[in-house]
Amino acid sequence: MRSAQARDARRALDRRFSQLPPATAFTPPAHGWIKAVRNALGMSAADLAARLQVTPASVSDIERSENDRRIRLDTLERAAAAMGCDLVYALIPHGALTNIVQHQARMKVELQVRAVSRAMDLEAEGDAEAERPGHGKARRMRASSSSISQPMARPAATIAPREAPPTKSIGTPRALRTRMTPTWA
């Protein structure tokens, strides 16, 4: 249910975003929106200060805080209203939200496939090493025969432990990678 609601919400927002111009159309002017609109209206800092019921120095502080990207939204909204403007606040995605979610899902699956592939490669290395001469069964036989010949007074911790028998691989890493590759990748 939750994923269906999220999908519907994404589609609705994608429809709304498709009607907007690109985010670059909303790039603030060099000295910020407040100063740009105030100057375009022919309004002095003192005039705006009177409308906001603050000092002209406060208007200068407000304009500076907007330019430094640390202005509060409620202050920006008050300044916009004092100049006969609406504040529009939006997060505009770089692409369709549906595409962003699909990309994130692909990246997550790729990470999981890489981790499984790496584990299988390490398992295959272990199997190959166990089959080489001097490893695996022959090595265990040497270890167990040498531990039998040791005197009993020797502490048990120094006796070489027996290795576990090598495990059999479920299949070749290549075959499993092929099965795990998503069809939409």
C-alpha atoms as a PDB file:
ATOM      1  CA  MET A   1       0.000   0.000   0.000  1.00  0.00           C
ATOM      2  CA  ARG A   2       2.744   2.407   0.975  1.00  0.00           C
ATOM      3  CA  SER A   3       4.689   1.931  -2.261  1.00  0.00           C
ATOM      4  CA  ALA A   4       1.525   2.496  -4.303  1.00  0.00           C
ATOM      5  CA  GLN A   5       0.897   5.775  -2.467  1.00  0.00           C
ATOM      6  CA  ALA A   6       4.505   6.872  -3.022  1.00  0.00           C
ATOM      7  CA  ARG A   7       4.252   5.985  -6.722  1.00  0.00           C
ATOM      8  CA  ASP A   8       1.025   7.998  -7.079  1.00  0.00           C
ATOM      9  CA  ALA A   9       2.583  10.966  -5.224  1.00  0.00           C
ATOM     10  CA  ARG A  10       5.648  10.824  -7.520  1.00  0.00           C
ATOM     11  CA  ARG A  11       3.475  10.798 -10.616  1.00  0.00           C
ATOM     12  CA  ALA A  12       1.397  13.749  -9.365  1.00  0.00           C
ATOM     13  CA  LEU A  13       4.509  15.794  -8.555  1.00  0.00           C
ATOM     14  CA  ASP A  14       6.131  14.839 -11.873  1.00  0.00           C
ATOM     15  CA  ARG A  15       3.056  16.240 -13.670  1.00  0.00           C
ATOM     16  CA  ARG A  16       3.330  19.514 -11.698  1.00  0.00           C
ATOM     17  CA  PHE A  17       7.085  19.812 -12.229  1.00  0.00           C
ATOM     18  CA  SER A  18       6.746  19.189 -15.958  1.00  0.00           C
ATOM     19  CA  GLN A  19       4.764  22.456 -16.220  1.00  0.00           C
ATOM     20  CA  LEU A  20       7.518  24.533 -14.557  1.00  0.00           C
ATOM     21  CA  PRO A  21      10.423  26.180 -16.319  1.00  0.00           C
ATOM     22  CA  PRO A  22      13.869  24.794 -15.449  1.00  0.00           C
ATOM     23  CA  ALA A  23      15.318  25.689 -12.036  1.00  0.00           C
ATOM     24  CA  THR A  24      17.843  27.990 -13.738  1.00  0.00           C
ATOM     25  CA  ALA A  25      14.936  30.362 -14.445  1.00  0.00           C
ATOM     26  CA  PHE A  26      14.736  30.983 -10.697  1.00  0.00           C
ATOM     27  CA  THR A  27      18.407  31.753 -10.101  1.00  0.00           C
ATOM     28  CA  PRO A  28      18.530  34.779  -7.775  1.00  0.00           C
ATOM     29  CA  PRO A  29      19.937  38.051  -9.083  1.00  0.00           C
ATOM     30  CA  ALA A  30      23.506  38.929  -8.062  1.00  0.00           C
ATOM     31  CA  HIS A  31      22.449  40.933  -4.980  1.00  0.00           C
ATOM     32  CA  GLY A  32      19.346  38.882  -4.120  1.00  0.00           C
ATOM     33  CA  TRP A  33      15.656  39.121  -4.942  1.00  0.00           C
ATOM     34  CA  ILE A  34      14.775  41.681  -2.279  1.00  0.00           C
ATOM     35  CA  LYS A  35      17.257  44.280  -3.479  1.00  0.00           C
ATOM     36  CA  ALA A  36      16.539  43.569  -7.161  1.00  0.00           C
ATOM     37  CA  VAL A  37      12.758  43.921  -6.772  1.00  0.00           C
ATOM     38  CA  ARG A  38      13.107  46.935  -4.430  1.00  0.00           C
ATOM     39  CA  ASN A  39      15.323  48.724  -6.977  1.00  0.00           C
ATOM     40  CA  ALA A  40      13.033  47.744  -9.890  1.00  0.00           C
ATOM     41  CA  LEU A  41      10.093  49.258  -7.996  1.00  0.00           C
ATOM     42  CA  GLY A  42      12.103  52.433  -7.327  1.00  0.00           C
ATOM     43  CA  MET A  43      11.747  51.837  -3.594  1.00  0.00           C
ATOM     44  CA  SER A  44      14.450  53.026  -1.208  1.00  0.00           C
ATOM     45  CA  ALA A  45      15.663  50.991   1.759  1.00  0.00           C
ATOM     46  CA  ALA A  46      13.916  53.559   3.999  1.00  0.00           C
ATOM     47  CA  ASP A  47      10.606  52.988   2.158  1.00  0.00           C
ATOM     48  CA  LEU A  48      10.875  49.209   2.583  1.00  0.00           C
ATOM     49  CA  ALA A  49      11.904  49.695   6.210  1.00  0.00           C
ATOM     50  CA  ALA A  50       8.746  51.745   6.851  1.00  0.00           C
ATOM     51  CA  ARG A  51       6.562  49.002   5.290  1.00  0.00           C
ATOM     52  CA  LEU A  52       8.310  46.319   7.359  1.00  0.00           C
ATOM     53  CA  GLN A  53       8.295  48.530  10.472  1.00  0.00           C
ATOM     54  CA  VAL A  54      12.067  48.155  10.923  1.00  0.00           C
ATOM     55  CA  THR A  55      15.047  50.485  10.562  1.00  0.00           C
ATOM     56  CA  PRO A  56      16.798  51.079   7.206  1.00  0.00           C
ATOM     57  CA  ALA A  57      19.862  49.341   8.703  1.00  0.00           C
ATOM     58  CA  SER A  58      17.679  46.266   9.292  1.00  0.00           C
ATOM     59  CA  VAL A  59      16.696  46.268   5.601  1.00  0.00           C
ATOM     60  CA  SER A  60      20.378  46.277   4.726  1.00  0.00           C
ATOM     61  CA  ASP A  61      20.896  43.316   7.116  1.00  0.00           C
ATOM     62  CA  ILE A  62      17.938  41.469   5.564  1.00  0.00           C
ATOM     63  CA  GLU A  63      19.304  41.981   2.036  1.00  0.00           C
ATOM     64  CA  ARG A  64      22.767  40.839   3.135  1.00  0.00           C
ATOM     65  CA  SER A  65      21.356  37.720   4.853  1.00  0.00           C
ATOM     66  CA  GLU A  66      19.460  36.836   1.663  1.00  0.00           C
ATOM     67  CA  ASN A  67      22.589  37.280  -0.418  1.00  0.00           C
ATOM     68  CA  ASP A  68      24.549  35.082   2.056  1.00  0.00           C
ATOM     69  CA  ARG A  69      21.801  32.411   1.854  1.00  0.00           C
ATOM     70  CA  ARG A  70      21.049  32.533   5.569  1.00  0.00           C
ATOM     71  CA  ILE A  71      17.765  34.454   5.506  1.00  0.00           C
ATOM     72  CA  ARG A  72      14.777  32.931   7.262  1.00  0.00           C
ATOM     73  CA  LEU A  73      11.798  32.078   5.082  1.00  0.00           C
ATOM     74  CA  ASP A  74       9.383  34.082   7.230  1.00  0.00           C
ATOM     75  CA  THR A  75      11.579  37.192   6.834  1.00  0.00           C
ATOM     76  CA  LEU A  76      11.787  36.668   3.088  1.00  0.00           C
ATOM     77  CA  GLU A  77       8.008  36.234   2.951  1.00  0.00           C
ATOM     78  CA  ARG A  78       7.430  39.473   4.924  1.00  0.00           C
ATOM     79  CA  ALA A  79       9.768  41.407   2.605  1.00  0.00           C
ATOM     80  CA  ALA A  80       8.034  39.958  -0.472  1.00  0.00           C
ATOM     81  CA  ALA A  81       4.596  40.915   0.860  1.00  0.00           C
ATOM     82  CA  ALA A  82       5.804  44.453   1.694  1.00  0.00           C
ATOM     83  CA  MET A  83       6.782  44.867  -1.984  1.00  0.00           C
ATOM     84  CA  GLY A  84       3.542  43.356  -3.354  1.00  0.00           C
ATOM     85  CA  CYS A  85       5.107  39.988  -4.212  1.00  0.00           C
ATOM     86  CA  ASP A  86       4.468  36.358  -3.302  1.00  0.00           C
ATOM     87  CA  LEU A  87       7.228  34.128  -2.015  1.00  0.00           C
ATOM     88  CA  VAL A  88       7.420  30.917  -4.012  1.00  0.00           C
ATOM     89  CA  TYR A  89       9.328  28.128  -2.280  1.00  0.00           C
ATOM     90  CA  ALA A  90       9.911  24.864  -4.129  1.00  0.00           C
ATOM     91  CA  LEU A  91      12.277  21.957  -4.451  1.00  0.00           C
ATOM     92  CA  ILE A  92      12.706  21.286  -8.154  1.00  0.00           C
ATOM     93  CA  PRO A  93      14.231  17.875  -8.952  1.00  0.00           C
ATOM     94  CA  HIS A  94      16.918  17.546 -11.621  1.00  0.00           C
ATOM     95  CA  GLY A  95      14.753  15.022 -13.451  1.00  0.00           C
ATOM     96  CA  ALA A  96      11.489  13.135 -13.093  1.00  0.00           C
ATOM     97  CA  LEU A  97      11.056  11.743  -9.572  1.00  0.00           C
ATOM     98  CA  THR A  98      10.163   8.348 -11.051  1.00  0.00           C
ATOM     99  CA  ASN A  99      13.522   8.256 -12.852  1.00  0.00           C
ATOM    100  CA  ILE A 100      15.366   9.280  -9.672  1.00  0.00           C
ATOM    101  CA  VAL A 101      13.750   6.438  -7.698  1.00  0.00           C
ATOM    102  CA  GLN A 102      14.534   3.912 -10.450  1.00  0.00           C
ATOM    103  CA  HIS A 103      18.155   5.091 -10.561  1.00  0.00           C
ATOM    104  CA  GLN A 104      18.495   4.738  -6.781  1.00  0.00           C
ATOM    105  CA  ALA A 105      17.000   1.232  -6.932  1.00  0.00           C
ATOM    106  CA  ARG A 106      19.447   0.256  -9.708  1.00  0.00           C
ATOM    107  CA  MET A 107      22.387   1.560  -7.680  1.00  0.00           C
ATOM    108  CA  LYS A 108      21.270  -0.405  -4.604  1.00  0.00           C
ATOM    109  CA  VAL A 109      20.901  -3.628  -6.614  1.00  0.00           C
ATOM    110  CA  GLU A 110      24.309  -3.113  -8.235  1.00  0.00           C
ATOM    111  CA  LEU A 111      25.935  -2.749  -4.803  1.00  0.00           C
ATOM    112  CA  GLN A 112      24.273  -5.947  -3.608  1.00  0.00           C
ATOM    113  CA  VAL A 113      25.288  -7.845  -6.743  1.00  0.00           C
ATOM    114  CA  ARG A 114      28.887  -6.627  -6.380  1.00  0.00           C
ATOM    115  CA  ALA A 115      28.976  -7.762  -2.744  1.00  0.00           C
ATOM    116  CA  VAL A 116      27.600 -11.223  -3.603  1.00  0.00           C
ATOM    117  CA  SER A 117      29.960 -11.508  -6.568  1.00  0.00           C
ATOM    118  CA  ARG A 118      32.953 -10.610  -4.384  1.00  0.00           C
ATOM    119  CA  ALA A 119      31.931 -13.173  -1.764  1.00  0.00           C
ATOM    120  CA  MET A 120      31.573 -15.825  -4.458  1.00  0.00           C
ATOM    121  CA  ASP A 121      34.975 -14.934  -5.933  1.00  0.00           C
ATOM    122  CA  LEU A 122      36.555 -15.307  -2.478  1.00  0.00           C
ATOM    123  CA  GLU A 123      34.791 -18.647  -2.017  1.00  0.00           C
ATOM    124  CA  ALA A 124      36.054 -19.827  -5.395  1.00  0.00           C
ATOM    125  CA  GLU A 125      39.615 -18.793  -4.441  1.00  0.00           C
ATOM    126  CA  GLY A 126      39.314 -20.795  -1.234  1.00  0.00           C
ATOM    127  CA  ASP A 127      38.078 -23.860  -3.146  1.00  0.00           C
ATOM    128  CA  ALA A 128      40.920 -23.571  -5.652  1.00  0.00           C
ATOM    129  CA  GLU A 129      43.509 -23.223  -2.877  1.00  0.00           C
ATOM    130  CA  ALA A 130      42.172 -26.278  -1.058  1.00  0.00           C
ATOM    131  CA  GLU A 131      42.569 -28.389  -4.226  1.00  0.00           C
ATOM    132  CA  ARG A 132      46.242 -27.444  -4.780  1.00  0.00           C
ATOM    133  CA  PRO A 133      48.974 -29.904  -3.677  1.00  0.00           C
ATOM    134  CA  GLY A 134      50.083 -29.277  -0.118  1.00  0.00           C
ATOM    135  CA  HIS A 135      46.707 -27.891   0.865  1.00  0.00           C
ATOM    136  CA  GLY A 136      43.419 -29.345   1.935  1.00  0.00           C
ATOM    137  CA  LYS A 137      43.375 -33.068   2.778  1.00  0.00           C
ATOM    138  CA  ALA A 138      47.143 -33.637   2.484  1.00  0.00           C
ATOM    139  CA  ARG A 139      47.820 -30.679   4.748  1.00  0.00           C
ATOM    140  CA  ARG A 140      45.286 -31.887   7.303  1.00  0.00           C
ATOM    141  CA  MET A 141      46.885 -35.330   7.318  1.00  0.00           C
ATOM    142  CA  ARG A 142      50.320 -33.817   8.010  1.00  0.00           C
ATOM    143  CA  ALA A 143      48.900 -31.625  10.749  1.00  0.00           C
ATOM    144  CA  SER A 144      47.083 -34.488  12.457  1.00  0.00           C
ATOM    145  CA  SER A 145      50.039 -36.889  12.219  1.00  0.00           C
ATOM    146  CA  SER A 146      52.412 -34.289  13.640  1.00  0.00           C
ATOM    147  CA  SER A 147      50.071 -33.557  16.529  1.00  0.00           C
ATOM    148  CA  ILE A 148      49.852 -37.279  17.368  1.00  0.00           C
ATOM    149  CA  SER A 149      53.633 -37.544  17.634  1.00  0.00           C
ATOM    150  CA  GLN A 150      53.776 -34.685  20.137  1.00  0.00           C
ATOM    151  CA  PRO A 151      54.313 -35.589  23.805  1.00  0.00           C
ATOM    152  CA  MET A 152      51.212 -35.479  26.020  1.00  0.00           C
ATOM    153  CA  ALA A 153      52.778 -32.940  28.397  1.00  0.00           C
ATOM    154  CA  ARG A 154      52.432 -30.255  25.751  1.00  0.00           C
ATOM    155  CA  PRO A 155      49.443 -27.925  26.326  1.00  0.00           C
ATOM    156  CA  ALA A 156      46.416 -28.637  24.140  1.00  0.00           C
ATOM    157  CA  ALA A 157      46.447 -25.058  22.717  1.00  0.00           C
ATOM    158  CA  THR A 158      49.652 -25.767  20.773  1.00  0.00           C
ATOM    159  CA  ILE A 159      48.240 -28.755  18.927  1.00  0.00           C
ATOM    160  CA  ALA A 160      47.314 -27.729  15.387  1.00  0.00           C
ATOM    161  CA  PRO A 161      43.539 -27.580  15.001  1.00  0.00           C
ATOM    162  CA  ARG A 162      41.974 -29.550  12.183  1.00  0.00           C
ATOM    163  CA  GLU A 163      40.692 -27.541   9.253  1.00  0.00           C
ATOM    164  CA  ALA A 164      37.070 -27.799   8.248  1.00  0.00           C
ATOM    165  CA  PRO A 165      36.540 -29.666   4.985  1.00  0.00           C
ATOM    166  CA  PRO A 166      36.203 -27.348   2.001  1.00  0.00           C
ATOM    167  CA  THR A 167      32.638 -26.404   1.134  1.00  0.00           C
ATOM    168  CA  LYS A 168      31.220 -27.083  -2.274  1.00  0.00           C
ATOM    169  CA  SER A 169      30.276 -24.106  -4.392  1.00  0.00           C
ATOM    170  CA  ILE A 170      26.596 -23.648  -5.227  1.00  0.00           C
ATOM    171  CA  GLY A 171      27.469 -22.799  -8.784  1.00  0.00           C
ATOM    172  CA  THR A 172      29.957 -20.788 -10.742  1.00  0.00           C
ATOM    173  CA  PRO A 173      30.085 -17.071  -9.976  1.00  0.00           C
ATOM    174  CA  ARG A 174      29.407 -16.298 -13.618  1.00  0.00           C
ATOM    175  CA  ALA A 175      26.201 -18.343 -13.677  1.00  0.00           C
ATOM    176  CA  LEU A 176      24.894 -16.740 -10.506  1.00  0.00           C
ATOM    177  CA  ARG A 177      25.768 -13.227 -11.700  1.00  0.00           C
ATOM    178  CA  THR A 178      23.794 -13.891 -14.864  1.00  0.00           C
ATOM    179  CA  ARG A 179      20.760 -14.992 -12.865  1.00  0.00           C
ATOM    180  CA  MET A 180      20.972 -12.003 -10.512  1.00  0.00           C
ATOM    181  CA  THR A 181      21.236  -9.323 -13.200  1.00  0.00           C
ATOM    182  CA  PRO A 182      17.944  -7.365 -13.209  1.00  0.00           C
ATOM    183  CA  THR A 183      16.103  -7.349 -16.504  1.00  0.00           C
ATOM    184  CA  TRP A 184      15.739  -3.548 -16.460  1.00  0.00           C
ATOM    185  CA  ALA A 185      19.444  -2.824 -15.960  1.00  0.00           C
END
